[in-house]
Amino acid sequence: MPACPVCAADVPDTLEVCPRCSTPLWNDDVTRLADSRPRYGDRDSRGARAARDNDSRGRLTSTDAIDHGRFPPGAILDGRYRIVGRLGRGGMGEVYRADDLKLGQPVALKFLPEALDRDPARLTQLHTEVRLARQVSHPNVCRVYDVGEFEGHTFLSMEYVDGEDLALLLRRVGRFPADRAIELARQMCAGLAAAHDRGVVHRDLKPANIMLDGSGRIRITDFGLAGVIGETLRAGTPAYMAPEQLAGGEVTPRSDIYSLGLVLYELFTGQRALDAANVAELIAKRERAQITPPSVLVRDLDEAVERVIFRCLAPDPAKRPATAIAVAARLPGGDPLAAALAAGETPSPEMVAAAGETNALHVAAGLSLLAFVVLGLIACAIAADRTSLLARVPLDKSLDALEDRARTLTASIADGEPAVDTARGIMLSSEYLSYVEKTDQRRTRWDSLATGRFPTLSFWYRASPVLLVPERPALRPTVGDPPPMIAGMVTAVLDPQGRLQEFVRVPPQLDASTAPPAAPANWKPLFDAADLDMSAFASDAPAWTPRVYADARAAWTGPYPGRADLRARV
């Protein structure tokens, strides 16, 4: 029984693919590494050749010749590419490392099977796939440069990745540590999402098409080529195909998500989700859902990893994650959106949407939270009636009514030029509130606010012979900005009932009048404007200095309206 040239597994003569790694083995189209492993020809000679090579494997005799493939090292192709050596050969064709003499950089040249050169329809499809693949530029995707032809053979020029594919690594070192596996899984998702955003479906995502470069970064190769080179079941590797792809149905990005789930299974467990000797056995095992849970193979595996793997492996495409970014978002820890921004990439709308995806909240928990919020709102509404200042201070008059009252008082108290600009507003004073809080501990201490006599909420009105331009840009004028410094500026402060609390008018800066001294001021109109009984107040020595020049000062003390225990000073 011959052995697979890639993984050395025994291959029955009746099979055309390796049962372990799915390497195609039909006819001469055999994957071959650049080492001393044997090359198989037709099926009838495999047994004899394998028996002969068992004794000579691993050593080169003087009669053997080194097989460099169709192009020896140093050959110049199309005056541009200089062959360095063959990297491999398989069902997807031969791959050579070459130097691009025009651009001065290493490239990989993939020569496609000869059957493709004789099929115009498939060549047209190839050009379409390459045209799409060229648009994919992402750190986790091996870039496709161009399609070329040399001596009647079609080849692709691609980015050369100096590294090892994931299939060989898994066979050599086994499963990866959890943290490293999650990191690599996120990179796979990012590369796959970048291709899907450009409308490119891989169709053959498997460990052999995923490489780790020299810096340990994932690079996905061969986007879209399986659909061009293969036919029906061979348009991809059966062991990694989605059910709908295996059945010959439509292939969509969600088909790649299924393949991604199988790759993640191997990445975290080191084993395949399903092993089968042929396609019929593979289909039968899938129908019976004979997939061992990853947590059985790896005891300390995070439950989130197992959940996302089985979501990807859902038989129904509609039940799989919609995008590769959604898969990355469900992996434990990290943030694909933050990772993309940190890498200097522009996140796609799908990535932004997936970054907000979370597990659904349980119905019982949601109802409990809703009830808590509703009770909190009810409690706030009840407390507002008892604690809100607006609920205790009467605001019966509108701002327009208060402004009209302020204009009337200003006209009756002070003569002057008509105002060029005016402003109004509401201000809060906390001095009285602080006083009551410190001196009165009764439960009814705030009842006095209902009279509106205390300076808590006040209406202010300003009139000016020039424009009121605040010193702080982009803000409206306030009771103190701009400062009342220009002659003729008037400020009136009223309580919510329209009673005067304060009146200030800036006097002229220059008084050139030769008239005799004016008669003593009549203070009664001001007491009437404040709704105070002047006869109940007694004269007192002035103690406060006005903010503006004053030719006379006066002061009175008397009972505070609404608070018999307090004295008011005017």
Protein backbone atom coordinates (compact mmCIF):
# COMPACT_ATOMS: atom_id res chain seq x y z
CA MET A 1 0.00 0.00 0.00
CA PRO A 2 1.59 3.34 -1.03
CA ALA A 3 2.13 6.24 1.36
CA CYS A 4 1.00 9.85 1.04
CA PRO A 5 3.96 12.02 -0.02
CA VAL A 6 2.86 14.80 2.36
CA CYS A 7 1.86 13.12 5.63
CA ALA A 8 3.21 9.57 4.98
CA ALA A 9 -0.19 7.99 5.75
CA ASP A 10 -1.05 4.70 4.01
CA VAL A 11 -3.29 5.29 0.99
CA PRO A 12 -5.46 2.46 -0.42
CA ASP A 13 -5.14 2.01 -4.18
CA THR A 14 -8.85 2.75 -4.60
CA LEU A 15 -8.61 6.31 -3.21
CA GLU A 16 -7.76 9.45 -5.14
CA VAL A 17 -7.15 11.61 -2.04
CA CYS A 18 -5.21 10.99 1.15
CA PRO A 19 -7.66 9.98 3.92
CA ARG A 20 -5.67 12.00 6.48
CA CYS A 21 -4.65 15.29 4.81
CA SER A 22 -6.86 15.19 1.66
CA THR A 23 -3.90 15.63 -0.69
CA PRO A 24 -5.07 14.78 -4.26
CA LEU A 25 -3.35 11.67 -5.62
CA TRP A 26 -5.02 11.11 -8.98
CA ASN A 27 -2.78 10.37 -11.97
CA ASP A 28 0.46 12.40 -12.07
CA ASP A 29 -1.06 15.34 -10.23
CA VAL A 30 0.62 14.54 -6.93
CA THR A 31 1.71 16.94 -4.26
CA ARG A 32 5.43 16.73 -3.92
CA LEU A 33 7.71 18.46 -1.44
CA ALA A 34 11.21 19.50 -2.38
CA ASP A 35 12.80 16.63 -0.48
CA SER A 36 13.71 12.99 -1.04
CA ARG A 37 10.17 11.57 -0.79
CA PRO A 38 9.14 9.39 -3.79
CA ARG A 39 7.10 10.49 -6.75
CA TYR A 40 4.19 8.29 -7.73
CA GLY A 41 3.02 7.72 -11.24
CA ASP A 42 0.07 5.59 -12.33
CA ARG A 43 -1.82 3.51 -9.77
CA ASP A 44 -0.59 0.12 -11.04
CA SER A 45 3.03 0.92 -10.27
CA ARG A 46 2.47 2.48 -6.82
CA GLY A 47 2.92 -0.72 -4.82
CA ALA A 48 6.16 -1.72 -6.51
CA ARG A 49 7.57 1.80 -6.36
CA ALA A 50 6.66 2.16 -2.69
CA ALA A 51 8.36 -1.17 -1.83
CA ARG A 52 11.50 -0.10 -3.63
CA ASP A 53 11.57 3.36 -2.07
CA ASN A 54 11.05 2.12 1.48
CA ASP A 55 14.69 1.09 1.57
CA SER A 56 16.08 4.25 -0.01
CA ARG A 57 13.86 6.94 1.54
CA GLY A 58 15.88 9.79 3.02
CA ARG A 59 19.08 9.20 1.00
CA LEU A 60 20.12 10.13 -2.53
CA THR A 61 22.08 7.62 -4.64
CA SER A 62 24.52 8.46 -7.40
CA THR A 63 22.07 7.28 -10.04
CA ASP A 64 19.22 9.50 -8.83
CA ALA A 65 18.58 12.88 -10.41
CA ILE A 66 17.28 15.92 -8.55
CA ASP A 67 13.85 16.82 -9.89
CA HIS A 68 13.64 20.61 -10.16
CA GLY A 69 10.31 20.48 -11.99
CA ARG A 70 9.75 22.02 -15.37
CA PHE A 71 12.08 24.98 -14.65
CA PRO A 72 15.59 24.60 -13.21
CA PRO A 73 16.98 27.20 -10.80
CA GLY A 74 18.23 30.28 -12.65
CA ALA A 75 15.80 29.97 -15.55
CA ILE A 76 14.42 33.31 -16.74
CA LEU A 77 10.70 33.43 -17.54
CA ASP A 78 9.28 36.06 -19.83
CA GLY A 79 12.41 38.19 -19.31
CA ARG A 80 11.18 39.11 -15.85
CA TYR A 81 11.11 36.20 -13.38
CA ARG A 82 14.24 34.27 -12.36
CA ILE A 83 13.45 30.86 -10.88
CA VAL A 84 14.98 30.15 -7.46
CA GLY A 85 13.46 26.73 -6.92
CA ARG A 86 10.30 24.70 -6.79
CA LEU A 87 8.32 24.99 -3.55
CA GLY A 88 5.76 22.26 -4.16
CA ARG A 89 3.46 20.43 -6.52
CA GLY A 90 -0.11 19.23 -6.13
CA GLY A 91 -3.65 19.31 -7.41
CA MET A 92 -3.52 23.11 -7.60
CA GLY A 93 -0.41 22.99 -9.81
CA GLU A 94 3.28 23.68 -9.31
CA VAL A 95 4.60 26.53 -7.17
CA TYR A 96 8.02 28.11 -7.71
CA ARG A 97 9.90 30.73 -5.82
CA ALA A 98 11.25 33.40 -8.14
CA ASP A 99 12.80 36.84 -8.17
CA ASP A 100 10.87 39.60 -9.92
CA LEU A 101 13.72 41.29 -11.78
CA LYS A 102 11.60 44.29 -12.71
CA LEU A 103 10.42 45.13 -9.19
CA GLY A 104 13.37 43.60 -7.35
CA GLN A 105 11.34 41.48 -4.93
CA PRO A 106 10.72 37.76 -4.32
CA VAL A 107 7.47 36.32 -5.62
CA ALA A 108 5.74 32.97 -5.81
CA LEU A 109 4.70 31.68 -9.26
CA LYS A 110 1.85 29.17 -9.31
CA PHE A 111 1.60 27.27 -12.62
CA LEU A 112 -1.93 25.98 -12.93
CA PRO A 113 -2.90 22.52 -14.28
CA GLU A 114 -2.63 22.08 -18.05
CA ALA A 115 -6.33 21.29 -18.30
CA LEU A 116 -7.05 24.88 -17.41
CA ASP A 117 -5.09 26.17 -20.39
CA ARG A 118 -7.39 24.27 -22.78
CA ASP A 119 -10.66 25.57 -21.26
CA PRO A 120 -11.53 29.17 -22.29
CA ALA A 121 -14.51 29.31 -19.92
CA ARG A 122 -12.40 28.43 -16.89
CA LEU A 123 -9.68 30.86 -17.99
CA THR A 124 -12.29 33.61 -18.08
CA GLN A 125 -13.43 32.61 -14.61
CA LEU A 126 -9.82 32.65 -13.43
CA HIS A 127 -9.33 36.19 -14.65
CA THR A 128 -12.52 37.23 -12.83
CA GLU A 129 -11.38 35.62 -9.57
CA VAL A 130 -7.92 37.17 -9.82
CA ARG A 131 -9.42 40.56 -10.60
CA LEU A 132 -11.38 40.34 -7.34
CA ALA A 133 -8.52 38.84 -5.36
CA ARG A 134 -6.17 41.66 -6.39
CA GLN A 135 -8.44 44.07 -4.53
CA VAL A 136 -7.83 42.26 -1.24
CA SER A 137 -5.03 43.96 0.63
CA HIS A 138 -4.71 42.80 4.23
CA PRO A 139 -1.80 41.77 6.49
CA ASN A 140 -3.33 38.30 6.91
CA VAL A 141 -3.89 37.60 3.21
CA CYS A 142 -1.28 36.52 0.67
CA ARG A 143 -1.65 39.04 -2.14
CA VAL A 144 -2.24 38.04 -5.75
CA TYR A 145 -0.37 40.26 -8.22
CA ASP A 146 -1.20 39.19 -11.76
CA VAL A 147 -2.01 36.44 -14.28
CA GLY A 148 0.68 35.56 -16.79
CA GLU A 149 1.43 33.07 -19.55
CA PHE A 150 4.70 31.39 -20.52
CA GLU A 151 5.05 28.89 -23.35
CA GLY A 152 1.32 28.26 -23.33
CA HIS A 153 1.11 27.69 -19.56
CA THR A 154 -0.95 29.98 -17.31
CA PHE A 155 0.56 31.09 -14.02
CA LEU A 156 -0.21 33.46 -11.17
CA SER A 157 2.33 35.78 -9.60
CA MET A 158 1.73 36.09 -5.88
CA GLU A 159 3.32 37.43 -2.76
CA TYR A 160 6.06 35.10 -1.53
CA VAL A 161 5.50 34.03 2.07
CA ASP A 162 8.58 32.66 3.79
CA GLY A 163 7.04 30.32 6.33
CA GLU A 164 5.26 27.05 6.95
CA ASP A 165 1.66 26.06 6.37
CA LEU A 166 -0.61 25.29 9.29
CA ALA A 167 -1.14 21.66 8.23
CA LEU A 168 2.56 20.85 8.59
CA LEU A 169 2.80 22.76 11.86
CA LEU A 170 -0.13 20.88 13.39
CA ARG A 171 1.42 17.56 12.40
CA ARG A 172 4.82 18.62 13.70
CA VAL A 173 3.98 20.37 16.98
CA GLY A 174 0.33 19.47 17.65
CA ARG A 175 -2.25 21.89 18.99
CA PHE A 176 -1.30 25.44 19.91
CA PRO A 177 -1.52 26.93 23.43
CA ALA A 178 -4.89 28.57 24.06
CA ASP A 179 -3.65 32.18 24.01
CA ARG A 180 -1.65 31.67 20.82
CA ALA A 181 -4.53 29.77 19.20
CA ILE A 182 -6.94 32.62 19.97
CA GLU A 183 -4.49 35.13 18.50
CA LEU A 184 -4.11 33.09 15.31
CA ALA A 185 -7.87 32.54 15.11
CA ARG A 186 -8.47 36.29 15.21
CA GLN A 187 -5.96 36.80 12.41
CA MET A 188 -7.70 34.16 10.29
CA CYS A 189 -11.03 35.91 10.88
CA ALA A 190 -9.54 39.28 9.95
CA GLY A 191 -8.05 37.99 6.71
CA LEU A 192 -11.20 36.11 5.75
CA ALA A 193 -13.37 39.13 6.52
CA ALA A 194 -11.18 41.35 4.33
CA ALA A 195 -11.69 38.99 1.39
CA HIS A 196 -15.44 38.66 1.98
CA ASP A 197 -15.75 42.45 2.08
CA ARG A 198 -14.42 42.46 -1.49
CA GLY A 199 -16.80 39.72 -2.61
CA VAL A 200 -14.11 37.00 -2.69
CA VAL A 201 -15.06 33.54 -1.35
CA HIS A 202 -12.18 31.17 -0.66
CA ARG A 203 -13.99 27.83 -1.34
CA ASP A 204 -11.04 25.76 -0.09
CA LEU A 205 -10.09 27.08 3.34
CA LYS A 206 -8.00 24.45 5.11
CA PRO A 207 -4.77 24.30 7.15
CA ALA A 208 -2.70 23.65 4.02
CA ASN A 209 -3.85 27.01 2.60
CA ILE A 210 -3.05 28.93 5.78
CA MET A 211 0.58 29.85 6.35
CA LEU A 212 2.53 31.30 9.26
CA ASP A 213 5.19 33.66 7.99
CA GLY A 214 8.57 34.28 9.55
CA SER A 215 7.09 36.72 12.08
CA GLY A 216 4.43 34.23 13.18
CA ARG A 217 1.58 35.98 11.39
CA ILE A 218 -1.25 34.18 9.61
CA ARG A 219 -1.32 34.47 5.79
CA ILE A 220 -4.27 32.94 3.92
CA THR A 221 -3.45 31.78 0.37
CA ASP A 222 -5.26 30.60 -2.80
CA PHE A 223 -8.43 32.69 -2.51
CA GLY A 224 -11.03 31.65 -5.06
CA LEU A 225 -8.77 29.29 -7.04
CA ALA A 226 -10.55 26.06 -6.06
CA GLY A 227 -13.66 27.11 -7.93
CA VAL A 228 -11.63 27.69 -11.09
CA ILE A 229 -9.27 24.72 -11.03
CA GLY A 230 -11.57 22.06 -9.58
CA GLU A 231 -14.86 20.60 -10.70
CA THR A 232 -17.86 19.65 -8.54
CA LEU A 233 -16.57 17.79 -5.47
CA ARG A 234 -12.97 18.53 -6.38
CA ALA A 235 -13.63 22.28 -6.24
CA GLY A 236 -12.16 22.27 -2.78
CA THR A 237 -11.07 19.66 -0.23
CA PRO A 238 -14.02 17.44 0.80
CA ALA A 239 -12.89 17.13 4.42
CA TYR A 240 -13.17 20.91 4.85
CA MET A 241 -16.21 21.62 2.70
CA ALA A 242 -19.48 22.95 4.04
CA PRO A 243 -22.49 20.61 3.60
CA GLU A 244 -24.01 22.80 0.89
CA GLN A 245 -20.70 22.89 -0.98
CA LEU A 246 -20.27 19.14 -0.68
CA ALA A 247 -23.78 18.69 -2.09
CA GLY A 248 -22.94 20.89 -5.10
CA GLY A 249 -25.06 23.81 -3.90
CA GLU A 250 -24.37 27.53 -3.82
CA VAL A 251 -21.12 28.57 -2.15
CA THR A 252 -21.32 31.76 -0.03
CA PRO A 253 -19.16 33.44 2.62
CA ARG A 254 -20.99 31.30 5.19
CA SER A 255 -19.53 28.26 3.46
CA ASP A 256 -16.10 29.64 4.32
CA ILE A 257 -17.32 30.14 7.91
CA TYR A 258 -18.01 26.38 8.12
CA SER A 259 -14.50 25.63 6.85
CA LEU A 260 -13.15 28.14 9.35
CA GLY A 261 -14.88 26.21 12.13
CA LEU A 262 -13.13 23.00 11.07
CA VAL A 263 -9.76 24.79 10.98
CA LEU A 264 -10.39 26.27 14.44
CA TYR A 265 -11.25 22.80 15.73
CA GLU A 266 -7.81 21.55 14.64
CA LEU A 267 -6.10 24.69 15.87
CA PHE A 268 -7.41 24.30 19.43
CA THR A 269 -7.43 20.49 19.69
CA GLY A 270 -4.69 19.32 17.32
CA GLN A 271 -7.12 16.81 15.79
CA ARG A 272 -9.58 16.78 12.91
CA ALA A 273 -13.26 17.16 13.65
CA LEU A 274 -14.02 14.20 11.37
CA ASP A 275 -11.80 11.53 9.80
CA ALA A 276 -13.13 9.52 6.89
CA ALA A 277 -11.64 7.17 4.29
CA ASN A 278 -13.84 8.56 1.51
CA VAL A 279 -16.45 11.16 0.74
CA ALA A 280 -19.39 8.80 1.37
CA GLU A 281 -18.14 8.03 4.87
CA LEU A 282 -17.52 11.74 5.48
CA ILE A 283 -21.09 12.64 4.52
CA ALA A 284 -22.48 9.83 6.66
CA LYS A 285 -20.55 10.97 9.74
CA ARG A 286 -21.69 14.54 9.27
CA GLU A 287 -25.31 13.49 8.99
CA ARG A 288 -24.96 11.61 12.27
CA ALA A 289 -23.25 14.66 13.84
CA GLN A 290 -20.38 12.53 15.08
CA ILE A 291 -18.15 15.43 16.07
CA THR A 292 -16.39 15.05 19.40
CA PRO A 293 -16.76 18.22 21.52
CA PRO A 294 -13.39 20.01 21.71
CA SER A 295 -13.66 20.17 25.51
CA VAL A 296 -13.48 16.37 25.62
CA LEU A 297 -10.09 16.48 23.92
CA VAL A 298 -8.82 19.58 25.76
CA ARG A 299 -10.13 19.67 29.32
CA ASP A 300 -9.25 23.29 30.06
CA LEU A 301 -10.64 24.70 26.80
CA ASP A 302 -12.66 27.89 27.23
CA GLU A 303 -16.40 27.27 26.77
CA ALA A 304 -16.64 30.31 24.49
CA VAL A 305 -14.22 28.67 22.04
CA GLU A 306 -16.32 25.50 21.88
CA ARG A 307 -19.52 27.51 21.39
CA VAL A 308 -18.14 29.52 18.51
CA ILE A 309 -16.73 26.40 16.81
CA PHE A 310 -20.09 24.63 16.92
CA ARG A 311 -21.84 27.81 15.73
CA CYS A 312 -19.56 27.78 12.69
CA LEU A 313 -20.27 24.08 12.12
CA ALA A 314 -24.03 24.49 12.06
CA PRO A 315 -25.41 22.45 9.10
CA ASP A 316 -27.82 25.27 8.25
CA PRO A 317 -25.88 28.25 6.80
CA ALA A 318 -28.44 30.68 8.25
CA LYS A 319 -27.51 29.56 11.78
CA ARG A 320 -23.79 30.23 11.32
CA PRO A 321 -22.22 33.60 12.18
CA ALA A 322 -22.92 36.03 9.38
CA THR A 323 -19.33 37.24 9.08
CA ALA A 324 -15.84 36.24 10.08
CA ILE A 325 -15.68 39.33 12.25
CA ALA A 326 -18.70 38.02 14.15
CA VAL A 327 -16.70 34.85 14.81
CA ALA A 328 -13.76 36.90 16.14
CA ALA A 329 -16.10 38.91 18.35
CA ARG A 330 -17.35 35.70 20.00
CA LEU A 331 -13.87 34.45 20.83
CA PRO A 332 -12.87 34.97 24.48
CA GLY A 333 -11.14 38.23 25.36
CA GLY A 334 -9.91 40.98 23.13
CA ASP A 335 -11.74 43.30 20.77
CA PRO A 336 -11.44 42.90 16.97
CA LEU A 337 -12.45 46.53 16.45
CA ALA A 338 -9.74 47.81 18.81
CA ALA A 339 -7.22 45.43 17.23
CA ALA A 340 -8.02 46.76 13.75
CA LEU A 341 -7.66 50.37 14.88
CA ALA A 342 -4.37 49.60 16.66
CA ALA A 343 -3.05 48.04 13.44
CA GLY A 344 -3.90 51.20 11.50
CA GLU A 345 -6.70 49.53 9.53
CA THR A 346 -10.05 51.09 8.71
CA PRO A 347 -12.76 48.87 10.25
CA SER A 348 -15.56 47.82 7.96
CA PRO A 349 -19.21 48.50 8.84
CA GLU A 350 -19.61 44.77 9.52
CA MET A 351 -16.73 44.88 12.02
CA VAL A 352 -18.23 47.88 13.81
CA ALA A 353 -21.62 46.17 13.96
CA ALA A 354 -20.13 42.91 15.20
CA ALA A 355 -18.15 44.72 17.89
CA GLY A 356 -21.43 45.50 19.61
CA GLU A 357 -22.77 41.95 19.48
CA THR A 358 -23.29 40.29 22.85
CA ASN A 359 -25.11 37.25 24.09
CA ALA A 360 -28.83 37.78 24.50
CA LEU A 361 -30.06 38.73 27.98
CA HIS A 362 -32.23 36.14 29.66
CA VAL A 363 -35.91 37.08 29.66
CA ALA A 364 -36.23 36.86 33.45
CA ALA A 365 -33.16 39.04 33.96
CA GLY A 366 -34.43 41.55 31.42
CA LEU A 367 -37.85 41.80 33.10
CA SER A 368 -36.20 42.24 36.48
CA LEU A 369 -34.04 45.08 35.19
CA LEU A 370 -37.06 46.70 33.52
CA ALA A 371 -39.05 46.52 36.76
CA PHE A 372 -36.13 48.02 38.67
CA VAL A 373 -35.89 50.92 36.22
CA VAL A 374 -39.64 51.60 36.37
CA LEU A 375 -39.65 51.56 40.19
CA GLY A 376 -36.65 53.89 40.17
CA LEU A 377 -38.44 56.36 37.90
CA ILE A 378 -41.54 56.27 40.13
CA ALA A 379 -39.40 56.84 43.21
CA CYS A 380 -37.64 59.77 41.53
CA ALA A 381 -40.99 61.32 40.56
CA ILE A 382 -42.29 61.01 44.14
CA ALA A 383 -39.07 62.36 45.61
CA ALA A 384 -39.04 65.27 43.16
CA ASP A 385 -42.25 66.66 44.66
CA ARG A 386 -40.55 66.76 48.05
CA THR A 387 -36.99 67.71 47.16
CA SER A 388 -37.10 69.71 43.92
CA LEU A 389 -36.70 73.47 44.28
CA LEU A 390 -39.01 74.07 41.32
CA ALA A 391 -41.75 72.12 43.11
CA ARG A 392 -41.53 74.40 46.17
CA VAL A 393 -40.99 77.86 44.63
CA PRO A 394 -44.09 79.18 42.82
CA LEU A 395 -43.48 80.14 39.18
CA ASP A 396 -46.86 81.58 38.26
CA LYS A 397 -45.63 84.24 35.86
CA SER A 398 -44.07 83.59 32.48
CA LEU A 399 -40.71 85.03 31.43
CA ASP A 400 -42.47 87.46 29.09
CA ALA A 401 -44.66 88.73 31.95
CA LEU A 402 -41.66 89.16 34.21
CA GLU A 403 -39.74 90.99 31.49
CA ASP A 404 -42.68 93.33 30.93
CA ARG A 405 -42.76 94.00 34.67
CA ALA A 406 -39.00 94.74 34.68
CA ARG A 407 -39.33 97.17 31.76
CA THR A 408 -42.13 99.03 33.54
CA LEU A 409 -40.13 99.33 36.76
CA THR A 410 -37.02 100.49 34.90
CA ALA A 411 -38.96 103.20 33.07
CA SER A 412 -40.57 104.43 36.29
CA ILE A 413 -37.42 104.45 38.40
CA ALA A 414 -34.69 105.69 36.05
CA ASP A 415 -34.77 108.05 33.11
CA GLY A 416 -32.32 107.59 30.28
CA GLU A 417 -31.74 106.81 26.64
CA PRO A 418 -33.73 104.00 25.02
CA ALA A 419 -32.07 100.60 25.35
CA VAL A 420 -30.14 99.31 22.32
CA ASP A 421 -29.91 95.74 23.62
CA THR A 422 -31.59 93.71 26.36
CA ALA A 423 -31.16 90.30 27.96
CA ARG A 424 -33.01 88.21 30.51
CA GLY A 425 -32.73 84.95 32.39
CA ILE A 426 -33.25 82.93 35.56
CA MET A 427 -30.60 82.63 38.25
CA LEU A 428 -30.27 80.45 41.31
CA SER A 429 -28.97 81.68 44.66
CA SER A 430 -28.05 79.12 47.28
CA GLU A 431 -27.20 81.48 50.16
CA TYR A 432 -30.63 81.30 51.77
CA LEU A 433 -30.81 77.53 51.23
CA SER A 434 -27.45 77.08 52.98
CA TYR A 435 -28.58 79.35 55.83
CA VAL A 436 -31.77 77.36 56.42
CA GLU A 437 -29.95 74.03 56.18
CA LYS A 438 -27.50 75.11 58.90
CA THR A 439 -29.89 76.90 61.28
CA ASP A 440 -33.22 75.07 60.96
CA GLN A 441 -33.63 71.30 61.41
CA ARG A 442 -37.43 71.19 61.39
CA ARG A 443 -39.21 69.08 58.81
CA THR A 444 -41.19 72.15 57.75
CA ARG A 445 -38.14 74.32 57.24
CA TRP A 446 -38.62 74.53 53.47
CA ASP A 447 -42.29 75.52 53.59
CA SER A 448 -41.36 79.21 53.59
CA LEU A 449 -40.11 78.85 50.00
CA ALA A 450 -43.72 78.74 48.83
CA THR A 451 -44.08 82.48 49.50
CA GLY A 452 -41.51 83.25 46.80
CA ARG A 453 -40.07 85.97 49.06
CA PHE A 454 -36.68 84.42 49.54
CA PRO A 455 -33.86 84.92 47.01
CA THR A 456 -33.57 81.39 45.62
CA LEU A 457 -34.94 81.52 42.07
CA SER A 458 -34.85 85.03 40.63
CA PHE A 459 -35.54 86.66 37.28
CA TRP A 460 -32.98 89.16 35.99
CA TYR A 461 -33.33 91.77 33.26
CA ARG A 462 -30.62 93.91 31.69
CA ALA A 463 -30.91 96.92 29.40
CA SER A 464 -27.94 98.65 27.76
CA PRO A 465 -27.32 101.65 25.50
CA VAL A 466 -24.76 99.44 23.61
CA LEU A 467 -24.76 95.83 22.51
CA LEU A 468 -24.41 93.30 25.34
CA VAL A 469 -21.41 91.26 24.14
CA PRO A 470 -20.23 88.67 26.72
CA GLU A 471 -16.53 88.38 27.41
CA ARG A 472 -16.71 84.60 27.10
CA PRO A 473 -17.17 83.78 23.39
CA ALA A 474 -20.14 81.74 22.16
CA LEU A 475 -22.09 82.31 25.39
CA ARG A 476 -25.20 84.38 25.95
CA PRO A 477 -25.11 87.47 28.21
CA THR A 478 -25.65 86.77 31.91
CA VAL A 479 -26.48 88.94 34.89
CA GLY A 480 -22.77 89.71 35.28
CA ASP A 481 -21.31 89.22 31.78
CA PRO A 482 -20.55 91.65 30.25
CA PRO A 483 -19.81 93.57 33.46
CA PRO A 484 -22.12 96.57 34.12
CA MET A 485 -19.46 99.25 33.49
CA ILE A 486 -20.99 101.51 30.82
CA ALA A 487 -23.07 104.49 31.83
CA GLY A 488 -26.78 103.87 31.36
CA MET A 489 -26.65 100.08 31.88
CA VAL A 490 -29.56 98.89 34.01
CA THR A 491 -29.98 95.63 35.95
CA ALA A 492 -33.25 94.66 37.64
CA VAL A 493 -33.71 91.50 39.68
CA LEU A 494 -37.25 90.29 40.49
CA ASP A 495 -38.63 87.38 42.46
CA PRO A 496 -40.93 84.88 40.65
CA GLN A 497 -43.95 87.02 41.58
CA GLY A 498 -42.48 90.14 39.94
CA ARG A 499 -41.43 91.90 43.19
CA LEU A 500 -38.26 93.96 43.02
CA GLN A 501 -35.25 92.47 44.77
CA GLU A 502 -32.41 94.57 43.34
CA PHE A 503 -32.05 97.52 40.99
CA VAL A 504 -28.75 98.92 39.65
CA ARG A 505 -28.19 101.73 37.13
CA VAL A 506 -24.67 102.80 36.16
CA PRO A 507 -24.47 106.62 36.54
CA PRO A 508 -22.85 108.92 33.93
CA GLN A 509 -19.09 109.02 33.91
CA LEU A 510 -19.10 112.80 33.48
CA ASP A 511 -21.46 115.15 35.33
CA ALA A 512 -21.13 118.68 33.86
CA SER A 513 -24.44 119.90 35.22
CA THR A 514 -24.45 123.27 37.07
CA ALA A 515 -27.92 122.74 38.53
CA PRO A 516 -28.39 123.08 42.32
CA PRO A 517 -28.24 119.88 44.42
CA ALA A 518 -31.26 117.68 43.96
CA ALA A 519 -33.81 117.17 46.70
CA PRO A 520 -33.47 114.09 48.93
CA ALA A 521 -34.40 110.88 47.10
CA ASN A 522 -37.89 109.47 47.42
CA TRP A 523 -37.41 105.82 48.40
CA LYS A 524 -41.08 104.90 48.66
CA PRO A 525 -41.51 103.87 44.97
CA LEU A 526 -38.75 101.32 45.44
CA PHE A 527 -40.42 99.91 48.57
CA ASP A 528 -43.70 99.69 46.66
CA ALA A 529 -41.95 97.88 43.77
CA ALA A 530 -40.62 95.36 46.30
CA ASP A 531 -44.11 95.04 47.88
CA LEU A 532 -42.75 96.19 51.27
CA ASP A 533 -44.51 98.49 53.76
CA MET A 534 -42.06 101.35 54.24
CA SER A 535 -43.79 102.46 57.43
CA ALA A 536 -42.84 99.15 59.06
CA PHE A 537 -39.13 99.77 58.45
CA ALA A 538 -36.86 101.99 60.54
CA SER A 539 -33.83 103.89 59.28
CA ASP A 540 -30.44 102.36 60.03
CA ALA A 541 -26.79 103.22 59.39
CA PRO A 542 -25.61 102.12 55.94
CA ALA A 543 -23.12 99.22 56.06
CA TRP A 544 -22.76 98.00 52.46
CA THR A 545 -20.79 99.79 49.74
CA PRO A 546 -22.58 99.92 46.36
CA ARG A 547 -20.96 98.32 43.30
CA VAL A 548 -21.26 101.61 41.38
CA TYR A 549 -20.88 105.28 42.34
CA ALA A 550 -23.68 106.60 44.56
CA ASP A 551 -24.24 110.19 45.69
CA ALA A 552 -26.30 108.99 48.67
CA ARG A 553 -26.65 105.87 50.81
CA ALA A 554 -29.53 104.77 53.01
CA ALA A 555 -30.53 101.64 54.93
CA TRP A 556 -33.59 100.31 56.75
CA THR A 557 -34.43 97.30 58.89
CA GLY A 558 -37.82 95.71 59.46
CA PRO A 559 -39.79 92.44 59.56
CA TYR A 560 -39.11 89.87 56.85
CA PRO A 561 -42.32 89.10 54.96
CA GLY A 562 -43.44 85.54 55.66
CA ARG A 563 -40.92 84.99 58.48
CA ALA A 564 -41.79 86.80 61.69
CA ASP A 565 -38.65 85.40 63.31
CA LEU A 566 -36.36 87.10 60.79
CA ARG A 567 -35.36 90.71 60.25
CA ALA A 568 -34.96 92.15 56.76
CA ARG A 569 -32.37 94.77 55.83
CA VAL A 570 -32.95 97.03 52.84
